[in-house]
Amino acid sequence: MKGVADRFKLVLASASPRRLALLQQIGFEPDALLPADIDEIPHKGESPRSLAVRLAAEKAEAAAKVMRTRPELAGAYLIAADTVVSVGRRILPKCELAEEAGQCLRLLSGRAHRVHTGLCLITPKGAARQKIVESRLRFKRLSSQEIAAYVASREWKGKAGGYAIQGLAGAFVVKLIGSYSNVVGLPLYETAILLGGEGMSPLAAWHRSGEAEIS
């Protein structure tokens, strides 16, 4: 595997550029990306926290089925994540339409909300390791002009809650309690803990990066 000890292989069950970039940020370079196409509609009465846990597990399971058909990925670890944004128990959509994004921003304006990310790691032996991470945020009160301008930017497309904190919407955040990377889509501390628990440390890659800069 690139960036980690050679005996390990890692698959990311996502096509998200931001999740890939976050994983690379801490020294892990996946051997493959296997996005999972699953039904993400919440079950009746399902809490945001439970939804994030369930969807991460279902993504991991779906990607693992594909991985088993790829001989070059035999013995690989697989990690999946799903991020859910909520106001109280109300789960906000992953917006695909401008109207949805506008509705989300009007709801989030001047209010607190929560971001949950479920993580699921599947080992080569089929064991599943899971974590759930929560961050709490509050947005400034947004004017109709700010909402219209942000919707026009299209940064919200495909994003849970209709915004991307790593982009223009970072200017909306008055307060953040918890993991920033969790809000982006992959909580780095907890991801490193999950992988480190399986003996997958990026430290060798950090050393190589430092040596390259010195030379």
N, C-alpha and C. Protein backbone atom coordinates (compact mmCIF):
# COMPACT_ATOMS: atom_id res chain seq x y z
N MET A 1 0.82 -1.19 0.00
CA MET A 1 0.00 0.00 0.00
C MET A 1 0.85 1.24 0.00
N LYS A 2 0.40 2.27 -0.72
CA LYS A 2 1.14 3.51 -0.78
C LYS A 2 0.91 4.31 0.48
N GLY A 3 1.99 4.76 1.10
CA GLY A 3 1.86 5.67 2.23
C GLY A 3 1.71 4.99 3.57
N VAL A 4 1.53 3.69 3.63
CA VAL A 4 1.43 2.95 4.88
C VAL A 4 2.27 1.70 4.70
N ALA A 5 2.46 0.97 5.78
CA ALA A 5 3.27 -0.25 5.69
C ALA A 5 2.83 -1.12 4.52
N ASP A 6 3.79 -1.69 3.78
CA ASP A 6 3.50 -2.38 2.54
C ASP A 6 2.54 -3.55 2.69
N ARG A 7 2.46 -4.14 3.86
CA ARG A 7 1.63 -5.34 4.00
C ARG A 7 0.14 -5.00 4.09
N PHE A 8 -0.20 -3.74 4.20
CA PHE A 8 -1.59 -3.35 4.32
C PHE A 8 -2.14 -2.79 3.01
N LYS A 9 -3.38 -3.14 2.73
CA LYS A 9 -4.11 -2.53 1.62
C LYS A 9 -5.35 -1.86 2.23
N LEU A 10 -5.74 -0.76 1.64
CA LEU A 10 -6.89 -0.02 2.16
C LEU A 10 -7.78 0.42 1.00
N VAL A 11 -9.08 0.22 1.18
CA VAL A 11 -10.08 0.64 0.20
C VAL A 11 -10.99 1.67 0.86
N LEU A 12 -11.26 2.75 0.15
CA LEU A 12 -12.20 3.77 0.63
C LEU A 12 -13.51 3.59 -0.12
N ALA A 13 -14.59 3.36 0.63
CA ALA A 13 -15.90 3.13 0.02
C ALA A 13 -16.59 4.47 -0.25
N SER A 14 -15.97 5.26 -1.11
CA SER A 14 -16.51 6.59 -1.40
C SER A 14 -15.88 7.13 -2.66
N ALA A 15 -16.66 7.98 -3.37
CA ALA A 15 -16.12 8.71 -4.51
C ALA A 15 -15.94 10.18 -4.15
N SER A 16 -16.11 10.51 -2.87
CA SER A 16 -16.05 11.90 -2.42
C SER A 16 -14.61 12.43 -2.46
N PRO A 17 -14.36 13.47 -3.24
CA PRO A 17 -13.01 14.05 -3.27
C PRO A 17 -12.57 14.57 -1.90
N ARG A 18 -13.52 15.07 -1.11
CA ARG A 18 -13.14 15.62 0.20
C ARG A 18 -12.76 14.50 1.16
N ARG A 19 -13.42 13.36 1.11
CA ARG A 19 -13.04 12.25 1.99
C ARG A 19 -11.68 11.69 1.60
N LEU A 20 -11.45 11.59 0.30
CA LEU A 20 -10.15 11.12 -0.16
C LEU A 20 -9.05 12.08 0.29
N ALA A 21 -9.27 13.37 0.12
CA ALA A 21 -8.26 14.36 0.51
C ALA A 21 -7.99 14.32 2.00
N LEU A 22 -9.03 14.12 2.81
CA LEU A 22 -8.84 14.05 4.26
C LEU A 22 -8.03 12.81 4.64
N LEU A 23 -8.33 11.68 4.01
CA LEU A 23 -7.59 10.45 4.30
C LEU A 23 -6.12 10.62 3.92
N GLN A 24 -5.89 11.24 2.77
CA GLN A 24 -4.52 11.49 2.32
C GLN A 24 -3.81 12.47 3.25
N GLN A 25 -4.57 13.39 3.82
CA GLN A 25 -3.98 14.41 4.71
C GLN A 25 -3.24 13.78 5.88
N ILE A 26 -3.73 12.64 6.37
CA ILE A 26 -3.08 12.00 7.52
C ILE A 26 -2.20 10.82 7.09
N GLY A 27 -1.89 10.75 5.79
CA GLY A 27 -0.88 9.80 5.35
C GLY A 27 -1.37 8.49 4.79
N PHE A 28 -2.69 8.34 4.60
CA PHE A 28 -3.22 7.10 4.04
C PHE A 28 -3.62 7.30 2.59
N GLU A 29 -3.05 6.50 1.70
CA GLU A 29 -3.37 6.55 0.27
C GLU A 29 -4.10 5.26 -0.09
N PRO A 30 -5.42 5.34 -0.33
CA PRO A 30 -6.18 4.11 -0.63
C PRO A 30 -5.68 3.42 -1.90
N ASP A 31 -5.77 2.10 -1.89
CA ASP A 31 -5.42 1.32 -3.07
C ASP A 31 -6.54 1.33 -4.09
N ALA A 32 -7.77 1.64 -3.63
CA ALA A 32 -8.91 1.69 -4.55
C ALA A 32 -10.03 2.51 -3.91
N LEU A 33 -10.86 3.08 -4.78
CA LEU A 33 -12.08 3.77 -4.35
C LEU A 33 -13.26 2.97 -4.86
N LEU A 34 -14.13 2.56 -3.95
CA LEU A 34 -15.30 1.76 -4.33
C LEU A 34 -16.56 2.42 -3.77
N PRO A 35 -17.09 3.43 -4.46
CA PRO A 35 -18.32 4.07 -3.98
C PRO A 35 -19.48 3.10 -3.97
N ALA A 36 -20.30 3.22 -2.95
CA ALA A 36 -21.43 2.30 -2.78
C ALA A 36 -22.74 3.05 -3.05
N ASP A 37 -23.54 2.52 -3.93
CA ASP A 37 -24.84 3.11 -4.25
C ASP A 37 -25.91 2.43 -3.42
N ILE A 38 -26.36 3.11 -2.36
CA ILE A 38 -27.37 2.53 -1.47
C ILE A 38 -28.53 3.51 -1.31
N ASP A 39 -29.64 3.00 -0.80
CA ASP A 39 -30.80 3.84 -0.49
C ASP A 39 -30.52 4.57 0.82
N GLU A 40 -30.47 5.90 0.77
CA GLU A 40 -30.12 6.68 1.96
C GLU A 40 -31.34 7.31 2.64
N ILE A 41 -32.54 6.87 2.27
CA ILE A 41 -33.75 7.43 2.88
C ILE A 41 -33.84 6.94 4.33
N PRO A 42 -34.04 7.87 5.29
CA PRO A 42 -34.15 7.45 6.70
C PRO A 42 -35.37 6.57 6.94
N HIS A 43 -35.24 5.65 7.87
CA HIS A 43 -36.38 4.85 8.28
C HIS A 43 -37.31 5.70 9.15
N LYS A 44 -38.55 5.34 9.20
CA LYS A 44 -39.51 6.09 10.01
C LYS A 44 -39.06 6.12 11.46
N GLY A 45 -38.96 7.31 12.02
CA GLY A 45 -38.57 7.48 13.42
C GLY A 45 -37.10 7.32 13.69
N GLU A 46 -36.28 7.12 12.65
CA GLU A 46 -34.85 6.90 12.84
C GLU A 46 -34.16 8.21 13.25
N SER A 47 -33.31 8.13 14.25
CA SER A 47 -32.59 9.32 14.72
C SER A 47 -31.43 9.63 13.77
N PRO A 48 -30.99 10.89 13.74
CA PRO A 48 -29.83 11.23 12.89
C PRO A 48 -28.60 10.39 13.21
N ARG A 49 -28.36 10.16 14.49
CA ARG A 49 -27.20 9.37 14.91
C ARG A 49 -27.30 7.93 14.39
N SER A 50 -28.48 7.33 14.57
CA SER A 50 -28.67 5.95 14.11
C SER A 50 -28.56 5.84 12.60
N LEU A 51 -29.05 6.86 11.90
CA LEU A 51 -28.99 6.86 10.44
C LEU A 51 -27.54 6.88 9.97
N ALA A 52 -26.71 7.73 10.56
CA ALA A 52 -25.31 7.82 10.16
C ALA A 52 -24.60 6.48 10.38
N VAL A 53 -24.87 5.83 11.50
CA VAL A 53 -24.25 4.53 11.80
C VAL A 53 -24.71 3.48 10.79
N ARG A 54 -26.02 3.45 10.53
CA ARG A 54 -26.56 2.44 9.62
C ARG A 54 -26.04 2.62 8.20
N LEU A 55 -26.05 3.85 7.71
CA LEU A 55 -25.63 4.08 6.33
C LEU A 55 -24.14 3.79 6.13
N ALA A 56 -23.33 4.12 7.12
CA ALA A 56 -21.90 3.80 7.02
C ALA A 56 -21.71 2.29 6.92
N ALA A 57 -22.45 1.54 7.73
CA ALA A 57 -22.35 0.08 7.70
C ALA A 57 -22.84 -0.48 6.37
N GLU A 58 -23.95 0.06 5.85
CA GLU A 58 -24.48 -0.43 4.58
C GLU A 58 -23.56 -0.10 3.42
N LYS A 59 -22.95 1.07 3.46
CA LYS A 59 -21.97 1.42 2.42
C LYS A 59 -20.78 0.45 2.46
N ALA A 60 -20.33 0.18 3.68
CA ALA A 60 -19.19 -0.73 3.82
C ALA A 60 -19.53 -2.12 3.31
N GLU A 61 -20.72 -2.61 3.65
CA GLU A 61 -21.12 -3.94 3.21
C GLU A 61 -21.25 -4.02 1.69
N ALA A 62 -21.84 -2.97 1.08
CA ALA A 62 -22.02 -2.96 -0.37
C ALA A 62 -20.67 -2.91 -1.08
N ALA A 63 -19.76 -2.09 -0.58
CA ALA A 63 -18.43 -1.99 -1.19
C ALA A 63 -17.64 -3.27 -0.99
N ALA A 64 -17.82 -3.93 0.17
CA ALA A 64 -17.10 -5.16 0.45
C ALA A 64 -17.50 -6.27 -0.54
N LYS A 65 -18.77 -6.29 -0.95
CA LYS A 65 -19.21 -7.28 -1.94
C LYS A 65 -18.47 -7.08 -3.26
N VAL A 66 -18.32 -5.83 -3.67
CA VAL A 66 -17.59 -5.54 -4.90
C VAL A 66 -16.11 -5.89 -4.73
N MET A 67 -15.57 -5.55 -3.57
CA MET A 67 -14.16 -5.80 -3.31
C MET A 67 -13.81 -7.27 -3.43
N ARG A 68 -14.74 -8.12 -3.03
CA ARG A 68 -14.49 -9.57 -3.08
C ARG A 68 -14.40 -10.09 -4.51
N THR A 69 -14.85 -9.30 -5.48
CA THR A 69 -14.74 -9.70 -6.88
C THR A 69 -13.45 -9.18 -7.52
N ARG A 70 -12.65 -8.45 -6.74
CA ARG A 70 -11.41 -7.85 -7.24
C ARG A 70 -10.22 -8.56 -6.60
N PRO A 71 -9.62 -9.55 -7.29
CA PRO A 71 -8.53 -10.33 -6.70
C PRO A 71 -7.37 -9.48 -6.20
N GLU A 72 -7.12 -8.35 -6.86
CA GLU A 72 -5.98 -7.51 -6.45
C GLU A 72 -6.22 -6.83 -5.11
N LEU A 73 -7.48 -6.86 -4.63
CA LEU A 73 -7.80 -6.25 -3.34
C LEU A 73 -7.99 -7.27 -2.22
N ALA A 74 -7.61 -8.51 -2.50
CA ALA A 74 -7.72 -9.56 -1.47
C ALA A 74 -6.90 -9.16 -0.26
N GLY A 75 -7.48 -9.34 0.92
CA GLY A 75 -6.78 -9.02 2.16
C GLY A 75 -6.79 -7.55 2.52
N ALA A 76 -7.59 -6.74 1.81
CA ALA A 76 -7.63 -5.30 2.08
C ALA A 76 -8.58 -4.97 3.22
N TYR A 77 -8.28 -3.88 3.89
CA TYR A 77 -9.21 -3.26 4.84
C TYR A 77 -10.09 -2.31 4.03
N LEU A 78 -11.31 -2.09 4.52
CA LEU A 78 -12.23 -1.20 3.83
C LEU A 78 -12.85 -0.24 4.84
N ILE A 79 -12.85 1.05 4.50
CA ILE A 79 -13.45 2.03 5.40
C ILE A 79 -14.53 2.81 4.66
N ALA A 80 -15.65 3.02 5.35
CA ALA A 80 -16.78 3.76 4.80
C ALA A 80 -17.24 4.79 5.82
N ALA A 81 -17.87 5.85 5.31
CA ALA A 81 -18.37 6.90 6.19
C ALA A 81 -19.66 7.47 5.63
N ASP A 82 -20.50 7.98 6.51
CA ASP A 82 -21.69 8.70 6.07
C ASP A 82 -21.95 9.84 7.03
N THR A 83 -22.26 11.01 6.48
CA THR A 83 -22.46 12.21 7.28
C THR A 83 -23.91 12.65 7.22
N VAL A 84 -24.48 12.94 8.39
CA VAL A 84 -25.87 13.35 8.51
C VAL A 84 -25.94 14.68 9.25
N VAL A 85 -26.67 15.64 8.69
CA VAL A 85 -26.86 16.95 9.32
C VAL A 85 -28.30 17.03 9.83
N SER A 86 -28.46 17.53 11.04
CA SER A 86 -29.81 17.58 11.61
C SER A 86 -30.01 18.83 12.45
N VAL A 87 -31.26 19.25 12.50
CA VAL A 87 -31.72 20.29 13.42
C VAL A 87 -32.71 19.60 14.35
N GLY A 88 -32.31 19.40 15.60
CA GLY A 88 -33.12 18.55 16.48
C GLY A 88 -33.11 17.14 15.92
N ARG A 89 -34.30 16.56 15.77
CA ARG A 89 -34.38 15.23 15.17
C ARG A 89 -34.68 15.30 13.67
N ARG A 90 -34.80 16.49 13.15
CA ARG A 90 -35.08 16.65 11.72
C ARG A 90 -33.81 16.45 10.91
N ILE A 91 -33.83 15.48 10.04
CA ILE A 91 -32.68 15.16 9.20
C ILE A 91 -32.77 15.96 7.91
N LEU A 92 -31.69 16.69 7.61
CA LEU A 92 -31.65 17.49 6.39
C LEU A 92 -31.14 16.65 5.23
N PRO A 93 -31.62 16.93 4.02
CA PRO A 93 -31.24 16.11 2.87
C PRO A 93 -29.83 16.40 2.36
N LYS A 94 -29.33 15.48 1.54
CA LYS A 94 -28.13 15.74 0.75
C LYS A 94 -28.64 16.39 -0.54
N CYS A 95 -28.48 17.68 -0.60
CA CYS A 95 -29.20 18.48 -1.58
C CYS A 95 -28.74 18.25 -3.02
N GLU A 96 -29.70 18.07 -3.90
CA GLU A 96 -29.44 17.96 -5.33
C GLU A 96 -30.14 19.07 -6.10
N LEU A 97 -31.09 19.74 -5.47
CA LEU A 97 -31.84 20.81 -6.12
C LEU A 97 -31.62 22.12 -5.38
N ALA A 98 -31.61 23.21 -6.13
CA ALA A 98 -31.42 24.54 -5.54
C ALA A 98 -32.49 24.84 -4.50
N GLU A 99 -33.71 24.41 -4.78
CA GLU A 99 -34.80 24.65 -3.84
C GLU A 99 -34.53 23.97 -2.49
N GLU A 100 -33.99 22.74 -2.54
CA GLU A 100 -33.64 22.04 -1.30
C GLU A 100 -32.56 22.78 -0.53
N ALA A 101 -31.55 23.25 -1.24
CA ALA A 101 -30.45 23.96 -0.58
C ALA A 101 -30.95 25.23 0.08
N GLY A 102 -31.82 25.97 -0.61
CA GLY A 102 -32.38 27.19 -0.04
C GLY A 102 -33.18 26.90 1.22
N GLN A 103 -33.97 25.84 1.20
CA GLN A 103 -34.76 25.48 2.37
C GLN A 103 -33.86 25.13 3.55
N CYS A 104 -32.78 24.39 3.28
CA CYS A 104 -31.86 24.02 4.35
C CYS A 104 -31.21 25.26 4.96
N LEU A 105 -30.74 26.16 4.12
CA LEU A 105 -30.06 27.35 4.62
C LEU A 105 -31.01 28.24 5.42
N ARG A 106 -32.25 28.34 4.99
CA ARG A 106 -33.22 29.13 5.77
C ARG A 106 -33.48 28.49 7.12
N LEU A 107 -33.48 27.17 7.16
CA LEU A 107 -33.68 26.47 8.43
C LEU A 107 -32.47 26.62 9.35
N LEU A 108 -31.27 26.57 8.78
CA LEU A 108 -30.04 26.66 9.57
C LEU A 108 -29.72 28.09 10.01
N SER A 109 -30.28 29.06 9.34
CA SER A 109 -29.98 30.47 9.62
C SER A 109 -30.23 30.84 11.09
N GLY A 110 -29.17 31.28 11.77
CA GLY A 110 -29.28 31.73 13.16
C GLY A 110 -29.53 30.63 14.17
N ARG A 111 -29.39 29.37 13.75
CA ARG A 111 -29.74 28.25 14.63
C ARG A 111 -28.57 27.30 14.81
N ALA A 112 -28.68 26.51 15.88
CA ALA A 112 -27.70 25.45 16.12
C ALA A 112 -28.13 24.19 15.38
N HIS A 113 -27.15 23.41 14.95
CA HIS A 113 -27.44 22.12 14.35
C HIS A 113 -26.31 21.15 14.67
N ARG A 114 -26.50 19.89 14.33
CA ARG A 114 -25.52 18.85 14.62
C ARG A 114 -25.13 18.12 13.35
N VAL A 115 -23.88 17.69 13.34
CA VAL A 115 -23.37 16.88 12.23
C VAL A 115 -22.84 15.58 12.80
N HIS A 116 -23.42 14.47 12.35
CA HIS A 116 -22.98 13.14 12.77
C HIS A 116 -22.30 12.45 11.59
N THR A 117 -21.16 11.84 11.83
CA THR A 117 -20.54 10.98 10.83
C THR A 117 -20.35 9.59 11.42
N GLY A 118 -20.91 8.61 10.72
CA GLY A 118 -20.69 7.22 11.10
C GLY A 118 -19.50 6.67 10.33
N LEU A 119 -18.66 5.91 11.00
CA LEU A 119 -17.51 5.26 10.38
C LEU A 119 -17.66 3.76 10.52
N CYS A 120 -17.29 3.04 9.48
CA CYS A 120 -17.29 1.58 9.55
C CYS A 120 -16.06 1.05 8.86
N LEU A 121 -15.26 0.29 9.60
CA LEU A 121 -14.07 -0.36 9.06
C LEU A 121 -14.31 -1.86 9.01
N ILE A 122 -14.12 -2.46 7.85
CA ILE A 122 -14.24 -3.92 7.71
C ILE A 122 -12.84 -4.49 7.50
N THR A 123 -12.49 -5.44 8.34
CA THR A 123 -11.16 -6.06 8.29
C THR A 123 -11.13 -7.18 7.26
N PRO A 124 -9.93 -7.63 6.88
CA PRO A 124 -9.84 -8.75 5.93
C PRO A 124 -10.55 -10.02 6.40
N LYS A 125 -10.74 -10.16 7.71
CA LYS A 125 -11.44 -11.34 8.24
C LYS A 125 -12.95 -11.12 8.32
N GLY A 126 -13.40 -9.93 7.89
CA GLY A 126 -14.84 -9.67 7.88
C GLY A 126 -15.40 -9.02 9.13
N ALA A 127 -14.55 -8.75 10.11
CA ALA A 127 -15.02 -8.09 11.33
C ALA A 127 -15.29 -6.62 11.04
N ALA A 128 -16.31 -6.07 11.69
CA ALA A 128 -16.67 -4.66 11.50
C ALA A 128 -16.35 -3.87 12.75
N ARG A 129 -15.69 -2.74 12.59
CA ARG A 129 -15.40 -1.81 13.68
C ARG A 129 -16.11 -0.50 13.36
N GLN A 130 -16.87 0.03 14.31
CA GLN A 130 -17.66 1.23 14.04
C GLN A 130 -17.43 2.33 15.06
N LYS A 131 -17.58 3.57 14.61
CA LYS A 131 -17.55 4.74 15.47
C LYS A 131 -18.57 5.75 14.97
N ILE A 132 -19.05 6.59 15.89
CA ILE A 132 -19.94 7.69 15.52
C ILE A 132 -19.38 8.95 16.15
N VAL A 133 -19.33 10.01 15.36
CA VAL A 133 -18.73 11.27 15.80
C VAL A 133 -19.76 12.39 15.63
N GLU A 134 -19.87 13.26 16.63
CA GLU A 134 -20.82 14.36 16.58
C GLU A 134 -20.12 15.70 16.74
N SER A 135 -20.47 16.66 15.90
CA SER A 135 -20.02 18.04 16.04
C SER A 135 -21.27 18.92 16.13
N ARG A 136 -21.16 20.01 16.88
CA ARG A 136 -22.27 20.95 17.02
C ARG A 136 -21.86 22.31 16.47
N LEU A 137 -22.73 22.90 15.68
CA LEU A 137 -22.44 24.18 15.05
C LEU A 137 -23.60 25.14 15.21
N ARG A 138 -23.28 26.43 15.08
CA ARG A 138 -24.33 27.44 14.98
C ARG A 138 -23.97 28.38 13.85
N PHE A 139 -24.95 28.63 12.99
CA PHE A 139 -24.78 29.57 11.88
C PHE A 139 -25.20 30.98 12.30
N LYS A 140 -24.62 31.98 11.68
CA LYS A 140 -25.09 33.36 11.80
C LYS A 140 -26.48 33.45 11.18
N ARG A 141 -27.16 34.54 11.44
CA ARG A 141 -28.44 34.76 10.77
C ARG A 141 -28.14 35.18 9.33
N LEU A 142 -28.66 34.43 8.40
CA LEU A 142 -28.37 34.66 6.98
C LEU A 142 -29.41 35.55 6.33
N SER A 143 -28.95 36.50 5.56
CA SER A 143 -29.88 37.35 4.82
C SER A 143 -30.35 36.60 3.58
N SER A 144 -31.44 37.07 3.00
CA SER A 144 -31.95 36.44 1.79
C SER A 144 -30.93 36.57 0.66
N GLN A 145 -30.15 37.68 0.66
CA GLN A 145 -29.13 37.87 -0.36
C GLN A 145 -27.99 36.85 -0.20
N GLU A 146 -27.60 36.58 1.05
CA GLU A 146 -26.54 35.60 1.31
C GLU A 146 -26.99 34.21 0.88
N ILE A 147 -28.23 33.87 1.20
CA ILE A 147 -28.74 32.55 0.83
C ILE A 147 -28.78 32.41 -0.69
N ALA A 148 -29.29 33.44 -1.37
CA ALA A 148 -29.38 33.39 -2.84
C ALA A 148 -28.00 33.27 -3.47
N ALA A 149 -27.03 34.02 -2.93
CA ALA A 149 -25.67 33.98 -3.48
C ALA A 149 -25.03 32.61 -3.26
N TYR A 150 -25.26 32.04 -2.07
CA TYR A 150 -24.66 30.73 -1.80
C TYR A 150 -25.31 29.66 -2.67
N VAL A 151 -26.62 29.72 -2.83
CA VAL A 151 -27.29 28.75 -3.70
C VAL A 151 -26.75 28.87 -5.13
N ALA A 152 -26.49 30.10 -5.57
CA ALA A 152 -25.96 30.32 -6.92
C ALA A 152 -24.56 29.73 -7.09
N SER A 153 -23.82 29.62 -5.98
CA SER A 153 -22.45 29.08 -6.05
C SER A 153 -22.42 27.59 -6.37
N ARG A 154 -23.49 26.90 -6.04
CA ARG A 154 -23.64 25.46 -6.25
C ARG A 154 -22.66 24.61 -5.43
N GLU A 155 -22.03 25.23 -4.44
CA GLU A 155 -21.16 24.44 -3.54
C GLU A 155 -21.96 23.41 -2.75
N TRP A 156 -23.23 23.63 -2.60
CA TRP A 156 -24.09 22.79 -1.78
C TRP A 156 -24.44 21.46 -2.44
N LYS A 157 -24.22 21.34 -3.75
CA LYS A 157 -24.71 20.16 -4.48
C LYS A 157 -24.13 18.87 -3.93
N GLY A 158 -25.03 17.96 -3.53
CA GLY A 158 -24.62 16.68 -2.99
C GLY A 158 -24.17 16.71 -1.55
N LYS A 159 -24.27 17.88 -0.90
CA LYS A 159 -23.78 18.03 0.47
C LYS A 159 -24.93 17.89 1.47
N ALA A 160 -24.67 17.14 2.53
CA ALA A 160 -25.65 17.00 3.59
C ALA A 160 -25.91 18.36 4.23
N GLY A 161 -27.17 18.73 4.37
CA GLY A 161 -27.52 20.01 4.98
C GLY A 161 -27.42 21.17 4.02
N GLY A 162 -26.97 20.95 2.79
CA GLY A 162 -26.94 22.00 1.80
C GLY A 162 -25.79 22.98 1.92
N TYR A 163 -24.69 22.55 2.54
CA TYR A 163 -23.53 23.45 2.61
C TYR A 163 -22.24 22.65 2.75
N ALA A 164 -21.12 23.33 2.41
CA ALA A 164 -19.78 22.75 2.58
C ALA A 164 -18.98 23.70 3.44
N ILE A 165 -18.65 23.29 4.66
CA ILE A 165 -17.97 24.17 5.60
C ILE A 165 -16.58 24.56 5.10
N GLN A 166 -15.96 23.70 4.27
CA GLN A 166 -14.61 23.98 3.79
C GLN A 166 -14.60 25.01 2.66
N GLY A 167 -15.77 25.47 2.25
CA GLY A 167 -15.86 26.46 1.19
C GLY A 167 -16.43 27.77 1.70
N LEU A 168 -17.26 28.38 0.89
CA LEU A 168 -17.82 29.69 1.22
C LEU A 168 -18.62 29.69 2.51
N ALA A 169 -19.29 28.58 2.81
CA ALA A 169 -20.13 28.50 4.00
C ALA A 169 -19.35 28.56 5.30
N GLY A 170 -18.01 28.45 5.22
CA GLY A 170 -17.21 28.62 6.42
C GLY A 170 -17.45 29.98 7.06
N ALA A 171 -17.85 30.96 6.27
CA ALA A 171 -18.12 32.31 6.78
C ALA A 171 -19.44 32.39 7.53
N PHE A 172 -20.25 31.33 7.47
CA PHE A 172 -21.54 31.33 8.17
C PHE A 172 -21.41 30.83 9.61
N VAL A 173 -20.30 30.17 9.93
CA VAL A 173 -20.19 29.45 11.20
C VAL A 173 -19.78 30.39 12.33
N VAL A 174 -20.68 30.55 13.28
CA VAL A 174 -20.41 31.39 14.46
C VAL A 174 -19.69 30.58 15.52
N LYS A 175 -20.08 29.31 15.64
CA LYS A 175 -19.53 28.46 16.71
C LYS A 175 -19.46 27.02 16.23
N LEU A 176 -18.36 26.37 16.58
CA LEU A 176 -18.19 24.95 16.27
C LEU A 176 -17.63 24.25 17.49
N ILE A 177 -18.34 23.23 17.95
CA ILE A 177 -17.88 22.42 19.07
C ILE A 177 -17.67 21.01 18.54
N GLY A 178 -16.42 20.54 18.59
CA GLY A 178 -16.13 19.20 18.11
C GLY A 178 -15.20 19.23 16.91
N SER A 179 -15.23 18.18 16.13
CA SER A 179 -14.29 17.97 15.04
C SER A 179 -14.70 18.73 13.78
N TYR A 180 -13.78 19.57 13.29
CA TYR A 180 -14.01 20.27 12.02
C TYR A 180 -14.01 19.26 10.86
N SER A 181 -13.05 18.33 10.86
CA SER A 181 -12.97 17.36 9.76
C SER A 181 -14.21 16.47 9.71
N ASN A 182 -14.86 16.28 10.85
CA ASN A 182 -16.12 15.55 10.88
C ASN A 182 -17.18 16.26 10.04
N VAL A 183 -17.21 17.59 10.14
CA VAL A 183 -18.20 18.37 9.39
C VAL A 183 -17.88 18.32 7.89
N VAL A 184 -16.59 18.25 7.56
CA VAL A 184 -16.20 18.13 6.15
C VAL A 184 -16.61 16.77 5.60
N GLY A 185 -16.56 15.73 6.45
CA GLY A 185 -17.03 14.42 5.99
C GLY A 185 -16.25 13.21 6.46
N LEU A 186 -15.10 13.44 7.14
CA LEU A 186 -14.34 12.29 7.64
C LEU A 186 -13.57 12.74 8.89
N PRO A 187 -14.03 12.36 10.08
CA PRO A 187 -13.33 12.77 11.30
C PRO A 187 -11.96 12.11 11.40
N LEU A 188 -10.92 12.92 11.34
CA LEU A 188 -9.57 12.38 11.19
C LEU A 188 -9.07 11.66 12.43
N TYR A 189 -9.33 12.21 13.60
CA TYR A 189 -8.84 11.57 14.83
C TYR A 189 -9.43 10.16 14.95
N GLU A 190 -10.74 10.07 14.79
CA GLU A 190 -11.40 8.77 14.96
C GLU A 190 -11.03 7.80 13.83
N THR A 191 -10.82 8.32 12.62
CA THR A 191 -10.39 7.46 11.52
C THR A 191 -9.00 6.89 11.81
N ALA A 192 -8.10 7.74 12.30
CA ALA A 192 -6.75 7.28 12.63
C ALA A 192 -6.78 6.24 13.76
N ILE A 193 -7.69 6.43 14.72
CA ILE A 193 -7.83 5.48 15.83
C ILE A 193 -8.31 4.12 15.30
N LEU A 194 -9.31 4.14 14.42
CA LEU A 194 -9.82 2.88 13.86
C LEU A 194 -8.73 2.14 13.10
N LEU A 195 -8.04 2.85 12.22
CA LEU A 195 -7.00 2.20 11.42
C LEU A 195 -5.80 1.81 12.29
N GLY A 196 -5.46 2.68 13.23
CA GLY A 196 -4.34 2.36 14.13
C GLY A 196 -4.62 1.14 14.98
N GLY A 197 -5.87 0.92 15.32
CA GLY A 197 -6.24 -0.25 16.11
C GLY A 197 -6.00 -1.56 15.37
N GLU A 198 -5.91 -1.46 14.04
CA GLU A 198 -5.61 -2.63 13.21
C GLU A 198 -4.14 -2.68 12.82
N GLY A 199 -3.34 -1.81 13.41
CA GLY A 199 -1.91 -1.80 13.12
C GLY A 199 -1.53 -0.97 11.91
N MET A 200 -2.49 -0.19 11.40
CA MET A 200 -2.22 0.61 10.21
C MET A 200 -1.83 2.02 10.63
N SER A 201 -0.55 2.27 10.69
CA SER A 201 -0.04 3.57 11.10
C SER A 201 0.54 4.32 9.91
N PRO A 202 0.24 5.62 9.79
CA PRO A 202 0.81 6.40 8.69
C PRO A 202 2.18 6.99 9.03
N LEU A 203 2.74 6.61 10.17
CA LEU A 203 3.97 7.27 10.63
C LEU A 203 5.12 7.10 9.64
N ALA A 204 5.21 5.94 8.99
CA ALA A 204 6.29 5.74 8.02
C ALA A 204 6.17 6.74 6.89
N ALA A 205 4.95 7.02 6.46
CA ALA A 205 4.74 7.99 5.39
C ALA A 205 5.13 9.38 5.85
N TRP A 206 4.85 9.70 7.12
CA TRP A 206 5.23 11.01 7.65
C TRP A 206 6.75 11.17 7.62
N HIS A 207 7.47 10.08 8.01
CA HIS A 207 8.93 10.13 7.99
C HIS A 207 9.45 10.33 6.57
N ARG A 208 8.86 9.61 5.61
CA ARG A 208 9.31 9.73 4.22
C ARG A 208 9.07 11.12 3.69
N SER A 209 7.91 11.71 4.08
CA SER A 209 7.59 13.07 3.63
C SER A 209 8.62 14.07 4.17
N GLY A 210 8.99 13.90 5.45
CA GLY A 210 9.97 14.79 6.05
C GLY A 210 11.33 14.65 5.40
N GLU A 211 11.72 13.40 5.09
CA GLU A 211 13.01 13.17 4.45
C GLU A 211 13.05 13.77 3.06
N ALA A 212 11.92 13.71 2.34
CA ALA A 212 11.86 14.26 0.99
C ALA A 212 12.04 15.78 1.03
N GLU A 213 11.45 16.44 2.05
CA GLU A 213 11.56 17.88 2.16
C GLU A 213 13.02 18.29 2.48
N ILE A 214 13.68 17.49 3.33
CA ILE A 214 15.05 17.80 3.70
C ILE A 214 15.99 17.67 2.51
N SER A 215 15.78 16.61 1.72
CA SER A 215 16.64 16.38 0.56
C SER A 215 16.38 17.40 -0.54
